Every structure is written in structure tokens, then in C-alpha cells.
Amino acid sequence: MSLKDEIERALPLAFGISGPLATPLVRPGTVDRLIATAIERGVALFDTAPAYGDGEAERRLGCALTDQKDILISTKAGLSSAGLRQRMRDFSPDGIERSIDKSMGRLGRPIDLLWLHGAAPEELTDTLLTRLDGRVRDGSVRYLGLAGRGAELEQGFERGPFSAVMLPVHAGLAGNAPARVKAFRTAGAITFAIEIMTPSHGQRRGLSTGALWRIGRRAMRPTPPSSKPPALAPAEALQWALRDGGADIAVITTTRRDRLHSNIAMVQAMADSH
């Protein structure tokens, strides 16, 4: 069975264990309940990374999924972190293999889908690709993907054995996102949409734990100003990514069970209408 076959059988939604879910802002028990709720409602794919909470996200996800062997887990390699400011980059073959081993230890299982987390084209050396192929062969990793934002995705996908790409897909990107997604899908890649709620941030009322975390993150790691995206309600932003944006999977995260329920319900309704 290919990754495409497995994805097509699942709800087109992945729940991301990231952001505040990997920090003391959210208790481990709360994360457990969110994961259990997602599974009960049909979510079969969870995404995380060692860079989220210095490995805490992977540890929490692994503990929550101890007895859930049919659930797919994707995690990343190449970036690690120690706090909001400290990001370490290592795409050397040895570094990636160490990252895989540590992730497997924290998750307590092999990795279904391993993303190279923002690899530049020159970092995708023949040695690294050979090592990754060896990890697929020995069962440590089942599928490989590329996560990023810029042209490094297209360049990397052309030369590596990658089954999927993860990239921003939201209405604020105008016509660029659907065109990129279509091109990747035509080339045979499964597309995972991230940052899909970007146009909806201004529409939310109140400050959830997740909103507070994002404010703190932006303050610690400011980004250059950009054009203001069109305002969409959260449900509209999610729908846009899957329908107008053309993504195969929408990756979401939230600290609130009511928002998780509403997002899943909307995606289920979309799936049922097809």
C-alpha cells in the first residue's frame, strides 16, 4: 500500500501536536484528551516534530498513542530547538539519523512519514538520500516528505524519493498556493497544508492559550511585514485550504476541544458531500 492509498482512506485532516501543546502552558492530560477526541471523531494522522518543545511534543504524542498502532504519525528532522529563540539546524547524514533515532525513542515506534524540515537543495546530498533510503528499507521510516515554504520544495522534490510535501496554503497567498499545490499533485505528491488559519486570526474572539502562545512567539521571533490577507472565519479558512487551495490534507492544531470538534465536523461534511 502506498502513502496515497493510506491517505485516501482517512479523513483529510491531520492534528498537529505543536505550539503550546508542547509546553507547560497546556497540561499533558489536556493533550491526551484532545488526541483521544480527534481519534474518536475519525482523525487518523498526527503531525509533530522534535523542534516543538525540545522533543516534548513527540513524547506527549507517543504516550497518548501507545495502543493506537493503526494511527499514522509524521514527524520531522533537520531542525531542533531549545526555547523560542534557540533553533539548531543539522541536515548532515549523521545528524538526520540521530534525529530519527531520538524521535523513534520519544514516540515509542517507527515513523510513518518523516519530513525534512526546511532542507535547502544543497543539503539533500547523495549520501543523505542514500541513508534515508536505508532507513526506509530497515523499517525505521515508511515514507519521506519535504516541509518548507520556498522554491526548495520544488527543487528537492525533483531529485529525492519523496512522497509528500508540506507547505503553507491559505487565502492570503492569492493564486500562488493553488497553483503550487496543483503542480505538486500532478507530479504525484501528497500535499499537506499548513498555516491555513492565517487569514482567520483577526476573526477570532478572545485569547485562547494558543493565541497567547502565538503572540509570544511573534514577539520573540518577529517576521517581516506582509500584505494583509483576506479575513476569513476559521471554518472558512479550513474549507478554503481543502477546496480552493486543493490540498490533500489540512494540518490543524488547537488547545480547545470545541474548536477541534467544529473543525472535524466541517471536514467530515465536506468529505460526505463528495
C-alpha atoms as a PDB file:
ATOM      1  CA  MET A   1       0.000   0.000   0.000  1.00  0.00           C
ATOM      2  CA  SER A   2       1.296   3.472  -0.887  1.00  0.00           C
ATOM      3  CA  LEU A   3       1.034   6.654   1.166  1.00  0.00           C
ATOM      4  CA  LYS A   4      -1.605   7.873  -1.293  1.00  0.00           C
ATOM      5  CA  ASP A   5      -3.708   4.779  -0.661  1.00  0.00           C
ATOM      6  CA  GLU A   6      -3.479   5.241   3.110  1.00  0.00           C
ATOM      7  CA  ILE A   7      -4.281   8.950   2.946  1.00  0.00           C
ATOM      8  CA  GLU A   8      -7.294   8.450   0.680  1.00  0.00           C
ATOM      9  CA  ARG A   9      -8.833   6.084   3.228  1.00  0.00           C
ATOM     10  CA  ALA A  10      -8.531   8.630   6.045  1.00  0.00           C
ATOM     11  CA  LEU A  11     -10.238  11.900   6.898  1.00  0.00           C
ATOM     12  CA  PRO A  12      -8.333  14.694   5.065  1.00  0.00           C
ATOM     13  CA  LEU A  13      -7.229  16.208   8.349  1.00  0.00           C
ATOM     14  CA  ALA A  14      -4.104  15.902  10.499  1.00  0.00           C
ATOM     15  CA  PHE A  15      -3.919  17.083  14.088  1.00  0.00           C
ATOM     16  CA  GLY A  16      -0.641  18.810  14.892  1.00  0.00           C
ATOM     17  CA  ILE A  17       0.935  18.374  18.317  1.00  0.00           C
ATOM     18  CA  SER A  18       2.918  21.585  18.289  1.00  0.00           C
ATOM     19  CA  GLY A  19       2.969  25.134  19.651  1.00  0.00           C
ATOM     20  CA  PRO A  20       1.534  25.416  23.170  1.00  0.00           C
ATOM     21  CA  LEU A  21       0.623  21.708  23.173  1.00  0.00           C
ATOM     22  CA  ALA A  22       4.341  21.017  23.642  1.00  0.00           C
ATOM     23  CA  THR A  23       4.822  23.459  26.516  1.00  0.00           C
ATOM     24  CA  PRO A  24       3.836  23.819  30.198  1.00  0.00           C
ATOM     25  CA  LEU A  25       1.050  26.145  29.028  1.00  0.00           C
ATOM     26  CA  VAL A  26      -1.013  23.016  28.329  1.00  0.00           C
ATOM     27  CA  ARG A  27      -1.086  20.041  30.692  1.00  0.00           C
ATOM     28  CA  PRO A  28      -0.202  16.596  29.294  1.00  0.00           C
ATOM     29  CA  GLY A  29      -3.659  15.338  30.317  1.00  0.00           C
ATOM     30  CA  THR A  30      -5.285  18.019  28.171  1.00  0.00           C
ATOM     31  CA  VAL A  31      -3.187  16.950  25.201  1.00  0.00           C
ATOM     32  CA  ASP A  32      -4.203  13.319  25.827  1.00  0.00           C
ATOM     33  CA  ARG A  33      -7.881  14.287  25.771  1.00  0.00           C
ATOM     34  CA  LEU A  34      -7.503  16.304  22.574  1.00  0.00           C
ATOM     35  CA  ILE A  35      -5.782  13.387  20.860  1.00  0.00           C
ATOM     36  CA  ALA A  36      -8.436  10.937  22.096  1.00  0.00           C
ATOM     37  CA  THR A  37     -11.195  13.248  20.845  1.00  0.00           C
ATOM     38  CA  ALA A  38      -9.551  13.531  17.426  1.00  0.00           C
ATOM     39  CA  ILE A  39      -9.302   9.752  17.115  1.00  0.00           C
ATOM     40  CA  GLU A  40     -12.907   9.262  18.222  1.00  0.00           C
ATOM     41  CA  ARG A  41     -14.020  11.702  15.529  1.00  0.00           C
ATOM     42  CA  GLY A  42     -12.092   9.927  12.764  1.00  0.00           C
ATOM     43  CA  VAL A  43      -8.681  11.631  12.622  1.00  0.00           C
ATOM     44  CA  ALA A  44      -6.066   9.013  11.728  1.00  0.00           C
ATOM     45  CA  LEU A  45      -2.991  11.206  11.187  1.00  0.00           C
ATOM     46  CA  PHE A  46      -0.983  13.217  13.715  1.00  0.00           C
ATOM     47  CA  ASP A  47       1.931  15.524  12.975  1.00  0.00           C
ATOM     48  CA  THR A  48       4.714  16.683  15.282  1.00  0.00           C
ATOM     49  CA  ALA A  49       8.453  17.449  15.331  1.00  0.00           C
ATOM     50  CA  PRO A  50      11.474  17.325  17.644  1.00  0.00           C
ATOM     51  CA  ALA A  51      11.711  21.110  17.333  1.00  0.00           C
ATOM     52  CA  TYR A  52       8.392  21.502  19.166  1.00  0.00           C
ATOM     53  CA  GLY A  53       9.136  21.859  22.858  1.00  0.00           C
ATOM     54  CA  ASP A  54      12.619  20.316  22.558  1.00  0.00           C
ATOM     55  CA  GLY A  55      11.096  16.881  21.955  1.00  0.00           C
ATOM     56  CA  GLU A  56       8.199  17.258  24.411  1.00  0.00           C
ATOM     57  CA  ALA A  57       5.608  17.187  21.614  1.00  0.00           C
ATOM     58  CA  GLU A  58       6.880  13.814  20.420  1.00  0.00           C
ATOM     59  CA  ARG A  59       6.967  12.444  23.964  1.00  0.00           C
ATOM     60  CA  ARG A  60       3.371  13.516  24.619  1.00  0.00           C
ATOM     61  CA  LEU A  61       2.131  12.151  21.313  1.00  0.00           C
ATOM     62  CA  GLY A  62       3.957   8.859  21.802  1.00  0.00           C
ATOM     63  CA  CYS A  63       2.460   8.364  25.254  1.00  0.00           C
ATOM     64  CA  ALA A  64      -1.044   9.154  24.009  1.00  0.00           C
ATOM     65  CA  LEU A  65      -0.790   6.712  21.101  1.00  0.00           C
ATOM     66  CA  THR A  66       0.806   3.757  22.912  1.00  0.00           C
ATOM     67  CA  ASP A  67      -2.051   1.416  21.988  1.00  0.00           C
ATOM     68  CA  GLN A  68      -3.005   3.061  18.675  1.00  0.00           C
ATOM     69  CA  LYS A  69      -0.944   1.179  16.112  1.00  0.00           C
ATOM     70  CA  ASP A  70      -3.267   1.983  13.181  1.00  0.00           C
ATOM     71  CA  ILE A  71      -2.760   5.740  13.574  1.00  0.00           C
ATOM     72  CA  LEU A  72      -0.225   7.396  11.252  1.00  0.00           C
ATOM     73  CA  ILE A  73       2.436   9.630  12.808  1.00  0.00           C
ATOM     74  CA  SER A  74       4.511  12.128  10.900  1.00  0.00           C
ATOM     75  CA  THR A  75       7.469  13.928  12.429  1.00  0.00           C
ATOM     76  CA  LYS A  76      10.377  15.964  11.155  1.00  0.00           C
ATOM     77  CA  ALA A  77      14.169  16.082  11.074  1.00  0.00           C
ATOM     78  CA  GLY A  78      16.761  18.762  10.387  1.00  0.00           C
ATOM     79  CA  LEU A  79      15.653  21.362  12.934  1.00  0.00           C
ATOM     80  CA  SER A  80      15.709  21.101  16.709  1.00  0.00           C
ATOM     81  CA  SER A  81      15.045  23.678  19.398  1.00  0.00           C
ATOM     82  CA  ALA A  82      15.639  24.699  22.971  1.00  0.00           C
ATOM     83  CA  GLY A  83      13.175  27.505  23.661  1.00  0.00           C
ATOM     84  CA  LEU A  84      11.642  30.051  21.297  1.00  0.00           C
ATOM     85  CA  ARG A  85      14.947  31.665  20.398  1.00  0.00           C
ATOM     86  CA  GLN A  86      17.238  28.668  20.037  1.00  0.00           C
ATOM     87  CA  ARG A  87      16.861  26.783  16.779  1.00  0.00           C
ATOM     88  CA  MET A  88      19.565  24.350  15.667  1.00  0.00           C
ATOM     89  CA  ARG A  89      19.937  23.191  12.070  1.00  0.00           C
ATOM     90  CA  ASP A  90      21.614  19.919  11.083  1.00  0.00           C
ATOM     91  CA  PHE A  91      20.906  18.173   7.784  1.00  0.00           C
ATOM     92  CA  SER A  92      24.115  16.160   7.797  1.00  0.00           C
ATOM     93  CA  PRO A  93      23.527  12.432   7.217  1.00  0.00           C
ATOM     94  CA  ASP A  94      24.686  11.607  10.738  1.00  0.00           C
ATOM     95  CA  GLY A  95      22.546  14.407  12.191  1.00  0.00           C
ATOM     96  CA  ILE A  96      19.419  13.225  10.415  1.00  0.00           C
ATOM     97  CA  GLU A  97      19.985   9.634  11.524  1.00  0.00           C
ATOM     98  CA  ARG A  98      20.468  10.760  15.131  1.00  0.00           C
ATOM     99  CA  SER A  99      17.247  12.757  14.868  1.00  0.00           C
ATOM    100  CA  ILE A 100      15.361   9.715  13.546  1.00  0.00           C
ATOM    101  CA  ASP A 101      16.640   7.534  16.386  1.00  0.00           C
ATOM    102  CA  LYS A 102      15.731  10.104  19.050  1.00  0.00           C
ATOM    103  CA  SER A 103      12.266  10.640  17.546  1.00  0.00           C
ATOM    104  CA  MET A 104      11.616   6.907  17.489  1.00  0.00           C
ATOM    105  CA  GLY A 105      12.646   6.714  21.138  1.00  0.00           C
ATOM    106  CA  ARG A 106      10.294   9.515  22.162  1.00  0.00           C
ATOM    107  CA  LEU A 107       7.419   8.220  20.026  1.00  0.00           C
ATOM    108  CA  GLY A 108       7.983   4.608  21.019  1.00  0.00           C
ATOM    109  CA  ARG A 109       7.504   3.356  17.462  1.00  0.00           C
ATOM    110  CA  PRO A 110       8.801   3.688  13.873  1.00  0.00           C
ATOM    111  CA  ILE A 111       7.988   6.848  11.922  1.00  0.00           C
ATOM    112  CA  ASP A 112       5.243   6.601   9.310  1.00  0.00           C
ATOM    113  CA  LEU A 113       6.157   9.817   7.484  1.00  0.00           C
ATOM    114  CA  LEU A 114       9.420  11.689   8.004  1.00  0.00           C
ATOM    115  CA  TRP A 115       9.573  15.311   6.842  1.00  0.00           C
ATOM    116  CA  LEU A 116      12.880  17.003   6.138  1.00  0.00           C
ATOM    117  CA  HIS A 117      12.112  20.244   7.959  1.00  0.00           C
ATOM    118  CA  GLY A 118      13.154  23.064   5.613  1.00  0.00           C
ATOM    119  CA  ALA A 119      16.091  21.406   3.851  1.00  0.00           C
ATOM    120  CA  ALA A 120      17.923  23.546   1.290  1.00  0.00           C
ATOM    121  CA  PRO A 121      18.631  21.860  -2.068  1.00  0.00           C
ATOM    122  CA  GLU A 122      22.361  21.687  -1.385  1.00  0.00           C
ATOM    123  CA  GLU A 123      21.673  19.860   1.880  1.00  0.00           C
ATOM    124  CA  LEU A 124      19.997  16.986   0.024  1.00  0.00           C
ATOM    125  CA  THR A 125      23.284  15.249  -0.699  1.00  0.00           C
ATOM    126  CA  ASP A 126      23.586  11.856  -2.332  1.00  0.00           C
ATOM    127  CA  THR A 127      24.884  10.481   0.966  1.00  0.00           C
ATOM    128  CA  LEU A 128      21.861  11.780   2.863  1.00  0.00           C
ATOM    129  CA  LEU A 129      19.410  10.384   0.314  1.00  0.00           C
ATOM    130  CA  THR A 130      21.184   7.007   0.430  1.00  0.00           C
ATOM    131  CA  ARG A 131      20.978   6.978   4.240  1.00  0.00           C
ATOM    132  CA  LEU A 132      17.284   7.843   4.125  1.00  0.00           C
ATOM    133  CA  ASP A 133      16.669   5.061   1.626  1.00  0.00           C
ATOM    134  CA  GLY A 134      18.370   2.697   4.073  1.00  0.00           C
ATOM    135  CA  ARG A 135      16.030   3.830   6.847  1.00  0.00           C
ATOM    136  CA  VAL A 136      13.025   3.122   4.656  1.00  0.00           C
ATOM    137  CA  ARG A 137      14.409  -0.307   3.855  1.00  0.00           C
ATOM    138  CA  ASP A 138      15.028  -1.209   7.502  1.00  0.00           C
ATOM    139  CA  GLY A 139      11.543  -0.049   8.546  1.00  0.00           C
ATOM    140  CA  SER A 140      12.577   2.901  10.718  1.00  0.00           C
ATOM    141  CA  VAL A 141      10.703   5.207   8.330  1.00  0.00           C
ATOM    142  CA  ARG A 142       7.908   4.259   5.936  1.00  0.00           C
ATOM    143  CA  TYR A 143       7.600   7.373   3.763  1.00  0.00           C
ATOM    144  CA  LEU A 144       9.606  10.555   3.157  1.00  0.00           C
ATOM    145  CA  GLY A 145       8.404  14.121   2.663  1.00  0.00           C
ATOM    146  CA  LEU A 146       9.640  17.693   2.331  1.00  0.00           C
ATOM    147  CA  ALA A 147       8.333  20.519   4.535  1.00  0.00           C
ATOM    148  CA  GLY A 148       9.055  24.144   3.646  1.00  0.00           C
ATOM    149  CA  ARG A 149       7.869  27.368   2.090  1.00  0.00           C
ATOM    150  CA  GLY A 150      10.043  28.386  -0.837  1.00  0.00           C
ATOM    151  CA  ALA A 151      11.414  27.020  -4.094  1.00  0.00           C
ATOM    152  CA  GLU A 152      13.486  24.490  -2.141  1.00  0.00           C
ATOM    153  CA  LEU A 153      10.392  22.265  -2.173  1.00  0.00           C
ATOM    154  CA  GLU A 154      10.231  22.057  -5.965  1.00  0.00           C
ATOM    155  CA  GLN A 155      13.984  21.628  -6.294  1.00  0.00           C
ATOM    156  CA  GLY A 156      14.150  18.953  -3.614  1.00  0.00           C
ATOM    157  CA  PHE A 157      11.140  17.025  -4.880  1.00  0.00           C
ATOM    158  CA  GLU A 158      12.718  16.708  -8.314  1.00  0.00           C
ATOM    159  CA  ARG A 159      15.759  14.833  -7.024  1.00  0.00           C
ATOM    160  CA  GLY A 160      14.645  12.919  -3.951  1.00  0.00           C
ATOM    161  CA  PRO A 161      12.408   9.897  -3.261  1.00  0.00           C
ATOM    162  CA  PHE A 162       9.708  11.981  -1.590  1.00  0.00           C
ATOM    163  CA  SER A 163       6.038  11.040  -1.426  1.00  0.00           C
ATOM    164  CA  ALA A 164       4.646  14.248   0.091  1.00  0.00           C
ATOM    165  CA  VAL A 165       5.176  17.968   0.562  1.00  0.00           C
ATOM    166  CA  MET A 166       4.068  20.234   3.395  1.00  0.00           C
ATOM    167  CA  LEU A 167       3.599  23.925   2.603  1.00  0.00           C
ATOM    168  CA  PRO A 168       1.537  26.998   3.543  1.00  0.00           C
ATOM    169  CA  VAL A 169      -1.886  27.033   1.874  1.00  0.00           C
ATOM    170  CA  HIS A 170      -4.192  29.908   2.755  1.00  0.00           C
ATOM    171  CA  ALA A 171      -6.212  32.601   1.034  1.00  0.00           C
ATOM    172  CA  GLY A 172      -3.619  35.258   1.850  1.00  0.00           C
ATOM    173  CA  LEU A 173      -1.297  33.687  -0.714  1.00  0.00           C
ATOM    174  CA  ALA A 174      -3.679  34.699  -3.517  1.00  0.00           C
ATOM    175  CA  GLY A 175      -3.401  32.461  -6.586  1.00  0.00           C
ATOM    176  CA  ASN A 176       0.050  31.125  -5.824  1.00  0.00           C
ATOM    177  CA  ALA A 177      -0.910  28.408  -3.355  1.00  0.00           C
ATOM    178  CA  PRO A 178      -3.455  26.556  -5.542  1.00  0.00           C
ATOM    179  CA  ALA A 179      -1.050  26.626  -8.491  1.00  0.00           C
ATOM    180  CA  ARG A 180       1.777  25.141  -6.402  1.00  0.00           C
ATOM    181  CA  VAL A 181      -0.486  22.518  -4.900  1.00  0.00           C
ATOM    182  CA  LYS A 182      -1.785  21.515  -8.332  1.00  0.00           C
ATOM    183  CA  ALA A 183       1.761  21.210  -9.693  1.00  0.00           C
ATOM    184  CA  PHE A 184       2.853  19.001  -6.804  1.00  0.00           C
ATOM    185  CA  ARG A 185      -0.227  16.815  -7.088  1.00  0.00           C
ATOM    186  CA  THR A 186       0.342  16.442 -10.825  1.00  0.00           C
ATOM    187  CA  ALA A 187       3.899  15.314 -10.029  1.00  0.00           C
ATOM    188  CA  GLY A 188       2.484  12.656  -7.701  1.00  0.00           C
ATOM    189  CA  ALA A 189       2.998  14.298  -4.301  1.00  0.00           C
ATOM    190  CA  ILE A 190       0.504  14.177  -1.441  1.00  0.00           C
ATOM    191  CA  THR A 191       0.073  17.787  -0.316  1.00  0.00           C
ATOM    192  CA  PHE A 192      -0.236  18.804   3.343  1.00  0.00           C
ATOM    193  CA  ALA A 193      -1.475  22.348   4.004  1.00  0.00           C
ATOM    194  CA  ILE A 194      -0.090  24.287   6.984  1.00  0.00           C
ATOM    195  CA  GLU A 195      -0.714  27.811   8.304  1.00  0.00           C
ATOM    196  CA  ILE A 196      -4.241  27.523   6.937  1.00  0.00           C
ATOM    197  CA  MET A 197      -5.742  29.647   9.716  1.00  0.00           C
ATOM    198  CA  THR A 198      -3.524  32.650   8.939  1.00  0.00           C
ATOM    199  CA  PRO A 199      -6.354  34.647   7.318  1.00  0.00           C
ATOM    200  CA  SER A 200      -8.664  33.894  10.253  1.00  0.00           C
ATOM    201  CA  HIS A 201      -6.561  35.134  13.162  1.00  0.00           C
ATOM    202  CA  GLY A 202      -8.186  38.541  13.116  1.00  0.00           C
ATOM    203  CA  GLN A 203     -11.642  36.969  13.207  1.00  0.00           C
ATOM    204  CA  ARG A 204     -11.207  35.076  16.490  1.00  0.00           C
ATOM    205  CA  ARG A 205     -12.769  36.383  19.651  1.00  0.00           C
ATOM    206  CA  GLY A 206     -10.940  36.174  22.967  1.00  0.00           C
ATOM    207  CA  LEU A 207      -7.457  34.935  23.689  1.00  0.00           C
ATOM    208  CA  SER A 208      -7.070  31.183  23.940  1.00  0.00           C
ATOM    209  CA  THR A 209      -3.892  29.521  25.172  1.00  0.00           C
ATOM    210  CA  GLY A 210      -2.908  29.008  21.558  1.00  0.00           C
ATOM    211  CA  ALA A 211      -3.442  32.666  20.720  1.00  0.00           C
ATOM    212  CA  LEU A 212      -1.323  33.762  23.675  1.00  0.00           C
ATOM    213  CA  TRP A 213       1.430  31.390  22.589  1.00  0.00           C
ATOM    214  CA  ARG A 214       1.395  32.802  19.037  1.00  0.00           C
ATOM    215  CA  ILE A 215       1.620  36.355  20.345  1.00  0.00           C
ATOM    216  CA  GLY A 216       4.631  35.425  22.460  1.00  0.00           C
ATOM    217  CA  ARG A 217       6.261  33.608  19.565  1.00  0.00           C
ATOM    218  CA  ARG A 218       5.873  36.577  17.243  1.00  0.00           C
ATOM    219  CA  ALA A 219       7.319  38.889  19.901  1.00  0.00           C
ATOM    220  CA  MET A 220      10.367  36.649  20.338  1.00  0.00           C
ATOM    221  CA  ARG A 221      10.828  35.917  16.652  1.00  0.00           C
ATOM    222  CA  PRO A 222       9.435  38.855  14.654  1.00  0.00           C
ATOM    223  CA  THR A 223       8.811  38.363  10.949  1.00  0.00           C
ATOM    224  CA  PRO A 224       8.906  40.967   8.157  1.00  0.00           C
ATOM    225  CA  PRO A 225       5.593  42.700   7.468  1.00  0.00           C
ATOM    226  CA  SER A 226       3.489  41.329   4.597  1.00  0.00           C
ATOM    227  CA  SER A 227       0.298  42.266   2.840  1.00  0.00           C
ATOM    228  CA  LYS A 228      -2.806  41.746   4.932  1.00  0.00           C
ATOM    229  CA  PRO A 229      -4.631  38.549   3.905  1.00  0.00           C
ATOM    230  CA  PRO A 230      -8.364  38.489   3.374  1.00  0.00           C
ATOM    231  CA  ALA A 231     -10.319  37.948   6.594  1.00  0.00           C
ATOM    232  CA  LEU A 232     -11.941  34.532   6.872  1.00  0.00           C
ATOM    233  CA  ALA A 233     -13.667  32.766   9.728  1.00  0.00           C
ATOM    234  CA  PRO A 234     -11.658  29.741  10.948  1.00  0.00           C
ATOM    235  CA  ALA A 235     -14.048  27.253   9.335  1.00  0.00           C
ATOM    236  CA  GLU A 236     -13.899  29.165   6.056  1.00  0.00           C
ATOM    237  CA  ALA A 237     -10.083  29.178   6.146  1.00  0.00           C
ATOM    238  CA  LEU A 238     -10.002  25.415   6.649  1.00  0.00           C
ATOM    239  CA  GLN A 239     -12.519  24.876   3.877  1.00  0.00           C
ATOM    240  CA  TRP A 240     -10.537  27.148   1.548  1.00  0.00           C
ATOM    241  CA  ALA A 241      -7.336  25.124   2.023  1.00  0.00           C
ATOM    242  CA  LEU A 242      -9.030  21.852   1.073  1.00  0.00           C
ATOM    243  CA  ARG A 243     -11.408  23.085  -1.599  1.00  0.00           C
ATOM    244  CA  ASP A 244      -9.967  26.184  -3.282  1.00  0.00           C
ATOM    245  CA  GLY A 245      -6.374  25.532  -2.224  1.00  0.00           C
ATOM    246  CA  GLY A 246      -6.607  21.937  -3.423  1.00  0.00           C
ATOM    247  CA  ALA A 247      -4.617  20.358  -0.574  1.00  0.00           C
ATOM    248  CA  ASP A 248      -4.981  16.656   0.178  1.00  0.00           C
ATOM    249  CA  ILE A 249      -4.585  17.091   3.940  1.00  0.00           C
ATOM    250  CA  ALA A 250      -5.140  20.091   6.199  1.00  0.00           C
ATOM    251  CA  VAL A 251      -2.908  20.207   9.274  1.00  0.00           C
ATOM    252  CA  ILE A 252      -4.543  21.943  12.221  1.00  0.00           C
ATOM    253  CA  THR A 253      -3.787  22.450  15.892  1.00  0.00           C
ATOM    254  CA  THR A 254      -5.813  23.840  18.743  1.00  0.00           C
ATOM    255  CA  THR A 255      -5.866  23.824  22.534  1.00  0.00           C
ATOM    256  CA  ARG A 256      -9.681  23.740  22.667  1.00  0.00           C
ATOM    257  CA  ARG A 257     -11.863  20.677  22.229  1.00  0.00           C
ATOM    258  CA  ASP A 258     -14.838  22.709  20.960  1.00  0.00           C
ATOM    259  CA  ARG A 259     -12.766  24.103  18.096  1.00  0.00           C
ATOM    260  CA  LEU A 260     -11.399  20.657  17.362  1.00  0.00           C
ATOM    261  CA  HIS A 261     -14.948  19.271  17.209  1.00  0.00           C
ATOM    262  CA  SER A 262     -16.136  22.042  14.883  1.00  0.00           C
ATOM    263  CA  ASN A 263     -13.160  21.701  12.529  1.00  0.00           C
ATOM    264  CA  ILE A 264     -13.573  17.937  12.279  1.00  0.00           C
ATOM    265  CA  ALA A 265     -17.328  18.287  11.702  1.00  0.00           C
ATOM    266  CA  MET A 266     -16.754  20.718   8.867  1.00  0.00           C
ATOM    267  CA  VAL A 267     -14.185  18.453   7.186  1.00  0.00           C
ATOM    268  CA  GLN A 268     -16.439  15.418   7.606  1.00  0.00           C
ATOM    269  CA  ALA A 269     -19.284  17.315   5.971  1.00  0.00           C
ATOM    270  CA  MET A 270     -17.016  18.200   3.041  1.00  0.00           C
ATOM    271  CA  ALA A 271     -15.916  14.559   2.695  1.00  0.00           C
ATOM    272  CA  ASP A 272     -19.501  13.309   2.831  1.00  0.00           C
ATOM    273  CA  SER A 273     -20.596  15.774   0.146  1.00  0.00           C
ATOM    274  CA  HIS A 274     -18.133  14.163  -2.269  1.00  0.00           C
END
